[in-house]
Protein backbone atom coordinates (compact mmCIF):
# COMPACT_ATOMS: atom_id res chain seq x y z
CA MET A 1 -3.29 -137.04 -190.29
CA THR A 2 -5.43 -133.88 -191.82
CA GLN A 3 -5.58 -130.30 -190.20
CA GLU A 4 -9.15 -131.72 -188.90
CA GLU A 5 -7.57 -134.88 -187.77
CA GLN A 6 -5.04 -133.05 -185.74
CA ASP A 7 -7.47 -130.74 -184.06
CA GLN A 8 -9.67 -133.13 -183.38
CA CYS A 9 -6.73 -134.97 -181.58
CA CYS A 10 -5.58 -132.30 -179.55
CA ALA A 11 -9.55 -131.11 -178.33
CA VAL A 12 -8.72 -134.26 -176.57
CA CYS A 13 -5.80 -133.69 -174.95
CA LYS A 14 -7.25 -130.78 -173.60
CA LEU A 15 -10.39 -132.09 -172.75
CA GLU A 16 -7.61 -134.78 -171.17
CA SER A 17 -5.81 -132.11 -169.40
CA TYR A 18 -9.58 -130.63 -168.12
CA ILE A 19 -10.64 -133.59 -165.84
CA ASP A 20 -7.30 -134.05 -164.30
CA ARG A 21 -7.91 -130.54 -162.69
CA ILE A 22 -10.80 -130.73 -161.69
CA GLY A 23 -10.51 -134.27 -160.44
CA GLN A 24 -6.81 -132.82 -158.44
CA GLU A 25 -8.36 -129.53 -157.24
CA TYR A 26 -11.55 -132.65 -156.37
CA ASP A 27 -9.00 -134.52 -153.96
CA GLU A 28 -7.19 -130.97 -152.26
CA ILE A 29 -10.53 -129.45 -151.82
CA ASN A 30 -12.23 -133.17 -150.07
CA THR A 31 -10.18 -134.06 -147.99
CA PHE A 32 -11.49 -134.85 -144.68
CA SER A 33 -8.66 -135.34 -142.31
CA LYS A 34 -7.37 -131.50 -142.77
CA THR A 35 -11.63 -130.19 -142.62
CA ALA A 36 -12.04 -128.16 -139.09
CA ALA A 37 -15.25 -131.43 -138.69
CA TYR A 38 -12.34 -134.03 -138.51
CA GLN A 39 -10.03 -132.21 -135.79
CA LEU A 40 -13.20 -131.41 -133.68
CA MET A 41 -15.20 -135.18 -134.70
CA GLN A 42 -11.18 -136.39 -133.58
CA LYS A 43 -10.83 -133.34 -130.46
CA TYR A 44 -13.87 -134.63 -129.12
CA LYS A 45 -14.02 -138.43 -129.59
CA ASN A 46 -13.17 -139.64 -126.82
CA ILE A 47 -16.78 -137.81 -125.14
CA VAL A 48 -20.03 -139.89 -123.99
CA LEU A 49 -23.45 -138.28 -123.67
CA CYS A 50 -24.99 -138.55 -119.83
CA GLN A 51 -28.16 -139.67 -121.60
CA GLU A 52 -25.60 -142.29 -123.85
CA CYS A 53 -23.96 -143.17 -119.86
CA ALA A 54 -24.64 -146.09 -117.86
CA TYR A 55 -23.58 -143.75 -114.55
CA ARG A 56 -26.38 -141.78 -115.80
CA ILE A 57 -29.05 -142.75 -112.46
CA HIS A 58 -31.65 -140.74 -111.95
CA GLU A 59 -33.57 -139.43 -108.38
CA GLU A 60 -36.53 -140.00 -107.42
CA THR A 61 -36.44 -137.72 -104.38
CA THR A 62 -35.68 -134.45 -106.30
CA ASN A 63 -36.43 -136.05 -110.27
CA ALA A 64 -33.02 -134.45 -111.44
CA ASP A 65 -30.50 -137.00 -113.49
CA CYS A 66 -27.57 -137.18 -111.56
CA CYS A 67 -24.23 -139.59 -112.44
CA ARG A 68 -22.53 -141.59 -109.96
CA LEU A 69 -19.08 -140.96 -110.85
CA GLY A 70 -19.86 -137.65 -109.65
CA ASN A 71 -17.73 -135.58 -106.28
CA GLY A 72 -21.04 -137.46 -104.19
CA SER A 73 -22.90 -134.53 -104.92
CA CYS A 74 -26.04 -134.82 -107.48
CA GLU A 75 -26.12 -132.63 -109.78
CA GLY A 76 -29.01 -132.53 -112.61
CA LEU A 77 -27.46 -132.80 -116.07
CA LYS A 78 -29.13 -131.03 -118.04
CA ALA A 79 -29.53 -131.57 -121.97
CA GLY A 80 -26.12 -131.58 -124.51
CA ASP A 81 -24.09 -132.94 -120.43
CA GLY A 82 -20.96 -135.70 -120.91
CA CYS A 83 -17.75 -135.91 -119.99
CA SER A 84 -14.47 -138.63 -120.60
CA PHE A 85 -15.04 -140.95 -118.41
CA GLY A 86 -18.52 -141.60 -119.51
CA LYS A 87 -18.78 -145.75 -120.68
CA ARG A 88 -22.13 -145.97 -122.96
CA LYS A 89 -25.10 -148.19 -121.81
CA GLU A 90 -24.49 -151.76 -124.10
């Protein structure tokens, strides 16, 4: 091989090395199961929001939305309320 051919060959090898390192770094950064978002999703995966729940009822007398799974008292549900005992409406 001439010196020029050797230089071209080495340039290709270095490029492959850079690409491999970039790929490894990308894989390390983007492992979704290690992210905080994934941990939160796992923690709250069984939560059913009251607005999606089959046990939610509307009381005409108080004009409030209530949960039939509650302790018998009808407290108004707020936006974003939910629990792990609910059942999504079908």
